[in-house]
Amino acid sequence: MLSSGWFWLMVAIGVFWALGAYNRLMRLRAQVQQCFDALERQLLQFPELVQQLLSEVVSAPVAAWRSDPAQMQDASHWSRLQESARQFAMALARMHEHPLQAQSVEQVRQTQGELQSAWEALLEPQAYRLAVSEVLQQRWLAQLLLVQPDTERFNQAIDQYNQAIDEFPAVLIARLYRFTPGRPL
């Protein structure tokens, strides 16, 4: 049987199929990483905007604040925003190491929501709304719009990767080499 040409042909086909399936899974995993890198560049703009906002407020106090010093004492909005931005940047750094792990995606999603709610809470009082320059408010809104296409591309890459892992017979290679499914953002 080992001297049969058909046997060696089937072995060769099996080996080439396994290599092809493995390469496809690796290519899809790399595509997920590339999509995440583009998304991460956009998401990192949010902590940078917070830092720019805080530096503007510290360097140039608003006239409305000068008339009401009690509002300058209320630093809870600023500290909440700053802490949310720091947590968001840390969650992004952890997700950069493991973009396919569900807990990394969940941490980014959660801190992104906290950062957005801290920003909205900051803009509620009229004095704070005046403190945040119109340019920064527009950049924040524009950044929200810029993130959506990159998020969609990342989610599409995750979906393609997950579908490839679930297809038979590639599922055998995926289990053998521990390709874990990813979670969309």
N, C-alpha and C. Protein backbone atom coordinates (compact mmCIF):
# COMPACT_ATOMS: atom_id res chain seq x y z
N MET A 1 0.82 -1.19 0.00
CA MET A 1 0.00 0.00 0.00
C MET A 1 0.86 1.26 0.00
N LEU A 2 1.98 1.30 0.73
CA LEU A 2 2.84 2.48 0.77
C LEU A 2 3.55 2.72 -0.55
N SER A 3 3.64 1.72 -1.36
CA SER A 3 4.30 1.91 -2.66
C SER A 3 3.31 2.37 -3.73
N SER A 4 2.05 2.43 -3.40
CA SER A 4 1.03 2.83 -4.35
C SER A 4 1.13 4.33 -4.63
N GLY A 5 1.01 4.68 -5.86
CA GLY A 5 1.06 6.08 -6.27
C GLY A 5 -0.14 6.87 -5.77
N TRP A 6 -1.29 6.18 -5.70
CA TRP A 6 -2.50 6.84 -5.23
C TRP A 6 -2.37 7.26 -3.77
N PHE A 7 -1.77 6.43 -2.98
CA PHE A 7 -1.59 6.72 -1.56
C PHE A 7 -0.76 8.00 -1.39
N TRP A 8 0.36 8.08 -2.09
CA TRP A 8 1.23 9.25 -1.96
C TRP A 8 0.59 10.49 -2.56
N LEU A 9 -0.22 10.32 -3.58
CA LEU A 9 -0.96 11.44 -4.14
C LEU A 9 -1.94 12.00 -3.11
N MET A 10 -2.65 11.11 -2.42
CA MET A 10 -3.61 11.55 -1.39
C MET A 10 -2.89 12.22 -0.21
N VAL A 11 -1.74 11.67 0.17
CA VAL A 11 -0.96 12.29 1.24
C VAL A 11 -0.51 13.69 0.82
N ALA A 12 -0.04 13.83 -0.41
CA ALA A 12 0.42 15.13 -0.91
C ALA A 12 -0.73 16.13 -0.93
N ILE A 13 -1.89 15.69 -1.41
CA ILE A 13 -3.07 16.57 -1.45
C ILE A 13 -3.44 17.00 -0.03
N GLY A 14 -3.42 16.08 0.91
CA GLY A 14 -3.73 16.41 2.31
C GLY A 14 -2.76 17.41 2.90
N VAL A 15 -1.48 17.21 2.62
CA VAL A 15 -0.47 18.13 3.15
C VAL A 15 -0.64 19.52 2.54
N PHE A 16 -0.83 19.58 1.23
CA PHE A 16 -0.99 20.88 0.59
C PHE A 16 -2.28 21.56 1.04
N TRP A 17 -3.34 20.79 1.24
CA TRP A 17 -4.57 21.38 1.73
C TRP A 17 -4.35 21.95 3.14
N ALA A 18 -3.69 21.21 4.02
CA ALA A 18 -3.45 21.68 5.39
C ALA A 18 -2.61 22.95 5.38
N LEU A 19 -1.58 23.00 4.53
CA LEU A 19 -0.76 24.21 4.43
C LEU A 19 -1.58 25.39 3.92
N GLY A 20 -2.43 25.13 2.95
CA GLY A 20 -3.28 26.20 2.41
C GLY A 20 -4.26 26.72 3.45
N ALA A 21 -4.87 25.82 4.20
CA ALA A 21 -5.81 26.24 5.24
C ALA A 21 -5.10 27.04 6.33
N TYR A 22 -3.92 26.56 6.73
CA TYR A 22 -3.15 27.27 7.74
C TYR A 22 -2.75 28.67 7.26
N ASN A 23 -2.29 28.76 6.02
CA ASN A 23 -1.90 30.06 5.47
C ASN A 23 -3.08 31.01 5.37
N ARG A 24 -4.24 30.48 5.00
CA ARG A 24 -5.44 31.33 4.93
C ARG A 24 -5.80 31.86 6.30
N LEU A 25 -5.76 31.02 7.31
CA LEU A 25 -6.07 31.47 8.66
C LEU A 25 -5.06 32.51 9.15
N MET A 26 -3.79 32.29 8.83
CA MET A 26 -2.76 33.27 9.23
C MET A 26 -2.96 34.60 8.49
N ARG A 27 -3.32 34.53 7.21
CA ARG A 27 -3.57 35.75 6.44
C ARG A 27 -4.75 36.52 7.01
N LEU A 28 -5.82 35.82 7.38
CA LEU A 28 -6.98 36.48 7.95
C LEU A 28 -6.67 37.07 9.33
N ARG A 29 -5.84 36.38 10.10
CA ARG A 29 -5.44 36.91 11.41
C ARG A 29 -4.62 38.19 11.22
N ALA A 30 -3.73 38.19 10.24
CA ALA A 30 -2.93 39.39 9.96
C ALA A 30 -3.81 40.53 9.47
N GLN A 31 -4.85 40.20 8.70
CA GLN A 31 -5.78 41.22 8.23
C GLN A 31 -6.52 41.85 9.40
N VAL A 32 -6.92 41.04 10.38
CA VAL A 32 -7.56 41.57 11.58
C VAL A 32 -6.61 42.53 12.28
N GLN A 33 -5.35 42.16 12.40
CA GLN A 33 -4.37 43.02 13.07
C GLN A 33 -4.19 44.34 12.32
N GLN A 34 -4.13 44.28 10.98
CA GLN A 34 -3.98 45.50 10.19
C GLN A 34 -5.20 46.41 10.35
N CYS A 35 -6.38 45.82 10.33
CA CYS A 35 -7.59 46.62 10.52
C CYS A 35 -7.63 47.23 11.91
N PHE A 36 -7.17 46.47 12.90
CA PHE A 36 -7.14 47.03 14.25
C PHE A 36 -6.12 48.15 14.36
N ASP A 37 -4.98 48.02 13.70
CA ASP A 37 -3.97 49.08 13.76
C ASP A 37 -4.53 50.40 13.21
N ALA A 38 -5.28 50.33 12.11
CA ALA A 38 -5.90 51.53 11.55
C ALA A 38 -6.94 52.09 12.51
N LEU A 39 -7.73 51.21 13.10
CA LEU A 39 -8.74 51.64 14.07
C LEU A 39 -8.09 52.23 15.30
N GLU A 40 -7.02 51.62 15.75
CA GLU A 40 -6.33 52.11 16.95
C GLU A 40 -5.79 53.52 16.73
N ARG A 41 -5.27 53.80 15.55
CA ARG A 41 -4.78 55.16 15.27
C ARG A 41 -5.91 56.18 15.43
N GLN A 42 -7.10 55.81 14.98
CA GLN A 42 -8.24 56.72 15.11
C GLN A 42 -8.68 56.84 16.57
N LEU A 43 -8.73 55.71 17.26
CA LEU A 43 -9.20 55.73 18.65
C LEU A 43 -8.24 56.46 19.58
N LEU A 44 -6.96 56.43 19.27
CA LEU A 44 -5.98 57.14 20.11
C LEU A 44 -6.11 58.65 20.00
N GLN A 45 -6.87 59.12 19.02
CA GLN A 45 -7.10 60.56 18.90
C GLN A 45 -7.93 61.09 20.07
N PHE A 46 -8.79 60.25 20.65
CA PHE A 46 -9.65 60.71 21.73
C PHE A 46 -8.85 61.10 22.98
N PRO A 47 -7.94 60.26 23.48
CA PRO A 47 -7.13 60.73 24.62
C PRO A 47 -6.28 61.95 24.28
N GLU A 48 -5.82 62.04 23.03
CA GLU A 48 -5.06 63.22 22.63
C GLU A 48 -5.92 64.48 22.67
N LEU A 49 -7.18 64.35 22.24
CA LEU A 49 -8.10 65.49 22.31
C LEU A 49 -8.35 65.91 23.75
N VAL A 50 -8.47 64.93 24.64
CA VAL A 50 -8.67 65.24 26.06
C VAL A 50 -7.45 65.99 26.60
N GLN A 51 -6.25 65.53 26.26
CA GLN A 51 -5.05 66.23 26.72
C GLN A 51 -4.98 67.64 26.16
N GLN A 52 -5.35 67.81 24.91
CA GLN A 52 -5.35 69.14 24.31
C GLN A 52 -6.38 70.03 25.01
N LEU A 53 -7.54 69.48 25.28
CA LEU A 53 -8.58 70.23 25.98
C LEU A 53 -8.10 70.67 27.35
N LEU A 54 -7.51 69.76 28.11
CA LEU A 54 -7.05 70.10 29.45
C LEU A 54 -5.95 71.15 29.41
N SER A 55 -5.05 71.05 28.44
CA SER A 55 -3.99 72.06 28.36
C SER A 55 -4.56 73.42 27.98
N GLU A 56 -5.57 73.45 27.11
CA GLU A 56 -6.22 74.72 26.75
C GLU A 56 -6.91 75.35 27.94
N VAL A 57 -7.60 74.54 28.72
CA VAL A 57 -8.34 75.06 29.86
C VAL A 57 -7.38 75.59 30.92
N VAL A 58 -6.31 74.87 31.16
CA VAL A 58 -5.35 75.31 32.17
C VAL A 58 -4.65 76.59 31.72
N SER A 59 -4.31 76.69 30.44
CA SER A 59 -3.53 77.84 29.98
C SER A 59 -4.40 79.07 29.75
N ALA A 60 -5.66 78.91 29.41
CA ALA A 60 -6.52 80.06 29.10
C ALA A 60 -7.88 79.89 29.75
N PRO A 61 -8.03 80.34 31.01
CA PRO A 61 -9.33 80.21 31.66
C PRO A 61 -10.38 81.06 30.95
N VAL A 62 -11.59 80.59 30.98
CA VAL A 62 -12.70 81.24 30.29
C VAL A 62 -13.21 82.40 31.14
N ALA A 63 -13.70 83.44 30.49
CA ALA A 63 -14.19 84.63 31.19
C ALA A 63 -15.34 84.28 32.14
N ALA A 64 -16.17 83.32 31.74
CA ALA A 64 -17.29 82.92 32.60
C ALA A 64 -16.78 82.31 33.90
N TRP A 65 -15.64 81.67 33.86
CA TRP A 65 -15.08 81.07 35.07
C TRP A 65 -14.53 82.14 35.99
N ARG A 66 -13.98 83.19 35.38
CA ARG A 66 -13.43 84.26 36.21
C ARG A 66 -14.52 84.92 37.04
N SER A 67 -15.72 85.01 36.47
CA SER A 67 -16.81 85.65 37.21
C SER A 67 -17.40 84.72 38.27
N ASP A 68 -17.23 83.43 38.13
CA ASP A 68 -17.77 82.46 39.10
C ASP A 68 -16.67 81.49 39.51
N PRO A 69 -15.88 81.84 40.54
CA PRO A 69 -14.76 80.99 40.94
C PRO A 69 -15.20 79.63 41.48
N ALA A 70 -16.44 79.51 41.89
CA ALA A 70 -16.90 78.21 42.42
C ALA A 70 -16.83 77.14 41.35
N GLN A 71 -17.04 77.52 40.11
CA GLN A 71 -17.00 76.53 39.03
C GLN A 71 -15.57 76.07 38.76
N MET A 72 -14.61 76.93 39.02
CA MET A 72 -13.22 76.50 38.85
C MET A 72 -12.85 75.46 39.89
N GLN A 73 -13.50 75.52 41.06
CA GLN A 73 -13.20 74.57 42.12
C GLN A 73 -13.76 73.18 41.80
N ASP A 74 -14.80 73.13 40.96
CA ASP A 74 -15.43 71.84 40.65
C ASP A 74 -14.59 71.13 39.59
N ALA A 75 -13.63 70.35 40.05
CA ALA A 75 -12.72 69.66 39.13
C ALA A 75 -13.17 68.23 38.85
N SER A 76 -14.33 67.85 39.39
CA SER A 76 -14.74 66.46 39.20
C SER A 76 -14.98 66.11 37.74
N HIS A 77 -15.55 67.05 36.98
CA HIS A 77 -15.77 66.79 35.55
C HIS A 77 -14.44 66.59 34.82
N TRP A 78 -13.47 67.44 35.12
CA TRP A 78 -12.18 67.37 34.44
C TRP A 78 -11.44 66.10 34.83
N SER A 79 -11.45 65.80 36.13
CA SER A 79 -10.72 64.61 36.57
C SER A 79 -11.38 63.35 36.04
N ARG A 80 -12.70 63.33 35.96
CA ARG A 80 -13.40 62.17 35.41
C ARG A 80 -13.04 61.96 33.94
N LEU A 81 -13.02 63.06 33.21
CA LEU A 81 -12.65 62.98 31.79
C LEU A 81 -11.21 62.52 31.62
N GLN A 82 -10.33 63.06 32.43
CA GLN A 82 -8.91 62.70 32.33
C GLN A 82 -8.70 61.23 32.70
N GLU A 83 -9.38 60.76 33.75
CA GLU A 83 -9.25 59.36 34.16
C GLU A 83 -9.84 58.43 33.10
N SER A 84 -10.97 58.82 32.50
CA SER A 84 -11.57 58.00 31.44
C SER A 84 -10.64 57.90 30.24
N ALA A 85 -9.99 59.01 29.89
CA ALA A 85 -9.07 58.99 28.76
C ALA A 85 -7.87 58.10 29.06
N ARG A 86 -7.38 58.14 30.29
CA ARG A 86 -6.24 57.30 30.67
C ARG A 86 -6.63 55.82 30.62
N GLN A 87 -7.80 55.48 31.16
CA GLN A 87 -8.27 54.09 31.14
C GLN A 87 -8.48 53.60 29.70
N PHE A 88 -9.02 54.47 28.86
CA PHE A 88 -9.26 54.12 27.46
C PHE A 88 -7.95 53.82 26.75
N ALA A 89 -6.94 54.66 26.96
CA ALA A 89 -5.63 54.43 26.34
C ALA A 89 -5.01 53.13 26.83
N MET A 90 -5.16 52.82 28.11
CA MET A 90 -4.61 51.57 28.65
C MET A 90 -5.34 50.37 28.07
N ALA A 91 -6.67 50.46 27.94
CA ALA A 91 -7.44 49.35 27.36
C ALA A 91 -7.05 49.14 25.90
N LEU A 92 -6.80 50.22 25.17
CA LEU A 92 -6.36 50.09 23.78
C LEU A 92 -5.00 49.42 23.71
N ALA A 93 -4.12 49.76 24.63
CA ALA A 93 -2.78 49.13 24.64
C ALA A 93 -2.90 47.64 24.90
N ARG A 94 -3.80 47.24 25.81
CA ARG A 94 -3.98 45.80 26.08
C ARG A 94 -4.60 45.11 24.87
N MET A 95 -5.54 45.78 24.21
CA MET A 95 -6.18 45.17 23.05
C MET A 95 -5.19 45.06 21.90
N HIS A 96 -4.24 45.99 21.82
CA HIS A 96 -3.23 45.93 20.76
C HIS A 96 -2.44 44.63 20.86
N GLU A 97 -2.20 44.17 22.08
CA GLU A 97 -1.47 42.91 22.27
C GLU A 97 -2.31 41.71 21.89
N HIS A 98 -3.63 41.79 22.12
CA HIS A 98 -4.52 40.64 21.88
C HIS A 98 -5.83 41.12 21.24
N PRO A 99 -5.82 41.52 19.96
CA PRO A 99 -7.04 42.05 19.36
C PRO A 99 -8.14 41.02 19.17
N LEU A 100 -7.82 39.74 19.34
CA LEU A 100 -8.85 38.71 19.15
C LEU A 100 -9.44 38.21 20.46
N GLN A 101 -8.97 38.70 21.59
CA GLN A 101 -9.49 38.22 22.87
C GLN A 101 -10.73 39.02 23.24
N ALA A 102 -11.77 38.30 23.64
CA ALA A 102 -13.05 38.93 23.95
C ALA A 102 -12.94 39.92 25.10
N GLN A 103 -12.15 39.61 26.12
CA GLN A 103 -12.08 40.52 27.26
C GLN A 103 -11.39 41.82 26.88
N SER A 104 -10.43 41.79 25.96
CA SER A 104 -9.78 43.02 25.49
C SER A 104 -10.78 43.90 24.76
N VAL A 105 -11.58 43.30 23.89
CA VAL A 105 -12.58 44.04 23.14
C VAL A 105 -13.60 44.64 24.11
N GLU A 106 -14.02 43.88 25.09
CA GLU A 106 -15.02 44.36 26.05
C GLU A 106 -14.48 45.52 26.87
N GLN A 107 -13.20 45.47 27.26
CA GLN A 107 -12.61 46.57 28.01
C GLN A 107 -12.57 47.84 27.17
N VAL A 108 -12.20 47.72 25.91
CA VAL A 108 -12.17 48.90 25.04
C VAL A 108 -13.58 49.45 24.86
N ARG A 109 -14.53 48.59 24.63
CA ARG A 109 -15.92 49.03 24.45
C ARG A 109 -16.42 49.74 25.71
N GLN A 110 -16.13 49.18 26.87
CA GLN A 110 -16.59 49.78 28.13
C GLN A 110 -15.92 51.13 28.38
N THR A 111 -14.61 51.20 28.23
CA THR A 111 -13.91 52.47 28.50
C THR A 111 -14.25 53.52 27.46
N GLN A 112 -14.55 53.09 26.23
CA GLN A 112 -14.97 54.04 25.21
C GLN A 112 -16.30 54.68 25.62
N GLY A 113 -17.21 53.87 26.14
CA GLY A 113 -18.48 54.41 26.63
C GLY A 113 -18.29 55.35 27.81
N GLU A 114 -17.38 55.00 28.72
CA GLU A 114 -17.10 55.86 29.86
C GLU A 114 -16.50 57.18 29.41
N LEU A 115 -15.60 57.14 28.44
CA LEU A 115 -14.97 58.35 27.93
C LEU A 115 -16.02 59.24 27.27
N GLN A 116 -16.91 58.66 26.49
CA GLN A 116 -17.95 59.45 25.83
C GLN A 116 -18.90 60.06 26.86
N SER A 117 -19.29 59.30 27.87
CA SER A 117 -20.20 59.85 28.88
C SER A 117 -19.52 60.93 29.71
N ALA A 118 -18.21 60.79 29.98
CA ALA A 118 -17.48 61.83 30.71
C ALA A 118 -17.41 63.10 29.88
N TRP A 119 -17.20 62.97 28.59
CA TRP A 119 -17.17 64.13 27.70
C TRP A 119 -18.53 64.83 27.70
N GLU A 120 -19.61 64.04 27.59
CA GLU A 120 -20.95 64.62 27.57
C GLU A 120 -21.28 65.28 28.90
N ALA A 121 -20.86 64.67 30.02
CA ALA A 121 -21.11 65.26 31.33
C ALA A 121 -20.34 66.58 31.48
N LEU A 122 -19.18 66.65 30.87
CA LEU A 122 -18.40 67.89 30.92
C LEU A 122 -19.11 69.00 30.17
N LEU A 123 -19.73 68.68 29.06
CA LEU A 123 -20.35 69.71 28.23
C LEU A 123 -21.73 70.14 28.73
N GLU A 124 -22.29 69.44 29.71
CA GLU A 124 -23.62 69.81 30.18
C GLU A 124 -23.67 71.20 30.82
N PRO A 125 -22.84 71.51 31.82
CA PRO A 125 -22.91 72.86 32.38
C PRO A 125 -22.48 73.89 31.34
N GLN A 126 -23.18 75.01 31.33
CA GLN A 126 -22.93 76.05 30.34
C GLN A 126 -21.50 76.57 30.41
N ALA A 127 -20.97 76.75 31.62
CA ALA A 127 -19.61 77.27 31.75
C ALA A 127 -18.60 76.33 31.13
N TYR A 128 -18.79 75.01 31.31
CA TYR A 128 -17.87 74.05 30.72
C TYR A 128 -18.01 74.03 29.21
N ARG A 129 -19.23 74.18 28.75
CA ARG A 129 -19.44 74.20 27.30
C ARG A 129 -18.69 75.39 26.69
N LEU A 130 -18.69 76.51 27.40
CA LEU A 130 -17.95 77.67 26.93
C LEU A 130 -16.45 77.43 27.00
N ALA A 131 -16.03 76.67 28.01
CA ALA A 131 -14.60 76.42 28.20
C ALA A 131 -14.03 75.55 27.08
N VAL A 132 -14.83 74.63 26.62
CA VAL A 132 -14.38 73.74 25.56
C VAL A 132 -14.56 74.48 24.24
N SER A 133 -13.47 74.74 23.59
CA SER A 133 -13.54 75.53 22.37
C SER A 133 -14.40 74.82 21.32
N GLU A 134 -14.99 75.64 20.49
CA GLU A 134 -15.83 75.11 19.42
C GLU A 134 -15.03 74.19 18.50
N VAL A 135 -13.77 74.54 18.31
CA VAL A 135 -12.91 73.72 17.45
C VAL A 135 -12.75 72.33 18.04
N LEU A 136 -12.51 72.25 19.36
CA LEU A 136 -12.35 70.94 19.99
C LEU A 136 -13.65 70.14 19.97
N GLN A 137 -14.77 70.82 20.17
CA GLN A 137 -16.06 70.11 20.10
C GLN A 137 -16.28 69.54 18.71
N GLN A 138 -15.94 70.33 17.69
CA GLN A 138 -16.10 69.85 16.32
C GLN A 138 -15.13 68.70 16.01
N ARG A 139 -13.89 68.80 16.53
CA ARG A 139 -12.93 67.72 16.30
C ARG A 139 -13.39 66.44 16.97
N TRP A 140 -14.00 66.55 18.16
CA TRP A 140 -14.50 65.37 18.86
C TRP A 140 -15.60 64.70 18.03
N LEU A 141 -16.54 65.51 17.55
CA LEU A 141 -17.62 64.96 16.72
C LEU A 141 -17.09 64.38 15.41
N ALA A 142 -16.14 65.07 14.80
CA ALA A 142 -15.55 64.56 13.56
C ALA A 142 -14.82 63.25 13.81
N GLN A 143 -14.15 63.14 14.95
CA GLN A 143 -13.43 61.92 15.29
C GLN A 143 -14.40 60.75 15.46
N LEU A 144 -15.56 61.03 16.07
CA LEU A 144 -16.58 59.99 16.20
C LEU A 144 -17.01 59.47 14.83
N LEU A 145 -17.13 60.39 13.86
CA LEU A 145 -17.52 59.98 12.51
C LEU A 145 -16.40 59.23 11.80
N LEU A 146 -15.14 59.61 12.06
CA LEU A 146 -14.01 58.96 11.40
C LEU A 146 -13.78 57.54 11.91
N VAL A 147 -14.17 57.27 13.14
CA VAL A 147 -13.94 55.96 13.74
C VAL A 147 -14.88 54.91 13.15
N GLN A 148 -16.07 55.33 12.74
CA GLN A 148 -17.07 54.36 12.28
C GLN A 148 -16.61 53.50 11.10
N PRO A 149 -16.04 54.06 10.03
CA PRO A 149 -15.61 53.19 8.93
C PRO A 149 -14.52 52.20 9.34
N ASP A 150 -13.57 52.66 10.17
CA ASP A 150 -12.50 51.75 10.62
C ASP A 150 -13.06 50.66 11.52
N THR A 151 -14.05 51.01 12.33
CA THR A 151 -14.69 50.00 13.18
C THR A 151 -15.41 48.97 12.32
N GLU A 152 -16.09 49.42 11.28
CA GLU A 152 -16.78 48.50 10.38
C GLU A 152 -15.79 47.57 9.66
N ARG A 153 -14.67 48.12 9.21
CA ARG A 153 -13.66 47.28 8.55
C ARG A 153 -13.09 46.24 9.52
N PHE A 154 -12.83 46.66 10.75
CA PHE A 154 -12.33 45.74 11.77
C PHE A 154 -13.35 44.64 12.02
N ASN A 155 -14.62 45.01 12.17
CA ASN A 155 -15.67 44.02 12.42
C ASN A 155 -15.84 43.07 11.24
N GLN A 156 -15.70 43.57 10.02
CA GLN A 156 -15.78 42.70 8.85
C GLN A 156 -14.62 41.72 8.82
N ALA A 157 -13.43 42.20 9.16
CA ALA A 157 -12.25 41.31 9.19
C ALA A 157 -12.44 40.23 10.26
N ILE A 158 -12.98 40.60 11.41
CA ILE A 158 -13.26 39.63 12.47
C ILE A 158 -14.28 38.60 11.99
N ASP A 159 -15.33 39.07 11.30
CA ASP A 159 -16.35 38.14 10.79
C ASP A 159 -15.77 37.16 9.78
N GLN A 160 -14.93 37.64 8.86
CA GLN A 160 -14.30 36.75 7.88
C GLN A 160 -13.41 35.73 8.58
N TYR A 161 -12.65 36.19 9.54
CA TYR A 161 -11.76 35.31 10.31
C TYR A 161 -12.58 34.25 11.05
N ASN A 162 -13.66 34.67 11.70
CA ASN A 162 -14.50 33.71 12.45
C ASN A 162 -15.16 32.71 11.51
N GLN A 163 -15.59 33.16 10.34
CA GLN A 163 -16.21 32.24 9.38
C GLN A 163 -15.19 31.22 8.88
N ALA A 164 -13.97 31.67 8.65
CA ALA A 164 -12.93 30.74 8.18
C ALA A 164 -12.62 29.70 9.25
N ILE A 165 -12.64 30.10 10.49
CA ILE A 165 -12.37 29.15 11.59
C ILE A 165 -13.49 28.11 11.70
N ASP A 166 -14.73 28.54 11.43
CA ASP A 166 -15.88 27.65 11.59
C ASP A 166 -16.12 26.72 10.42
N GLU A 167 -15.47 26.96 9.28
CA GLU A 167 -15.70 26.11 8.11
C GLU A 167 -14.99 24.77 8.25
N PHE A 168 -15.69 23.74 7.82
CA PHE A 168 -15.05 22.43 7.79
C PHE A 168 -14.37 22.29 6.44
N PRO A 169 -13.26 21.79 6.35
CA PRO A 169 -12.37 21.13 7.30
C PRO A 169 -11.33 22.04 7.93
N ALA A 170 -11.39 23.37 7.66
CA ALA A 170 -10.41 24.30 8.25
C ALA A 170 -10.54 24.34 9.77
N VAL A 171 -11.70 23.96 10.28
CA VAL A 171 -11.89 23.95 11.73
C VAL A 171 -10.90 22.99 12.40
N LEU A 172 -10.51 21.95 11.69
CA LEU A 172 -9.53 21.01 12.25
C LEU A 172 -8.17 21.68 12.44
N ILE A 173 -7.75 22.44 11.43
CA ILE A 173 -6.48 23.17 11.53
C ILE A 173 -6.59 24.24 12.60
N ALA A 174 -7.74 24.93 12.65
CA ALA A 174 -7.93 25.99 13.64
C ALA A 174 -7.83 25.44 15.05
N ARG A 175 -8.43 24.30 15.29
CA ARG A 175 -8.34 23.69 16.64
C ARG A 175 -6.93 23.20 16.93
N LEU A 176 -6.29 22.63 15.94
CA LEU A 176 -4.95 22.10 16.13
C LEU A 176 -3.96 23.21 16.51
N TYR A 177 -4.07 24.37 15.86
CA TYR A 177 -3.14 25.46 16.11
C TYR A 177 -3.73 26.56 16.99
N ARG A 178 -4.86 26.28 17.60
CA ARG A 178 -5.51 27.16 18.58
C ARG A 178 -5.81 28.55 18.01
N PHE A 179 -6.46 28.58 16.88
CA PHE A 179 -6.99 29.83 16.35
C PHE A 179 -8.31 30.07 17.06
N THR A 180 -8.37 31.12 17.87
CA THR A 180 -9.60 31.40 18.61
C THR A 180 -10.42 32.44 17.88
N PRO A 181 -11.73 32.33 17.93
CA PRO A 181 -12.56 33.33 17.27
C PRO A 181 -12.44 34.68 17.96
N GLY A 182 -12.58 35.73 17.16
CA GLY A 182 -12.51 37.09 17.69
C GLY A 182 -13.91 37.62 17.95
N ARG A 183 -13.95 38.80 18.56
CA ARG A 183 -15.22 39.43 18.89
C ARG A 183 -15.24 40.83 18.28
N PRO A 184 -16.30 41.16 17.56
CA PRO A 184 -16.36 42.49 16.94
C PRO A 184 -16.41 43.59 18.00
N LEU A 185 -15.99 44.76 17.60
CA LEU A 185 -15.98 45.91 18.51
C LEU A 185 -17.27 46.67 18.40
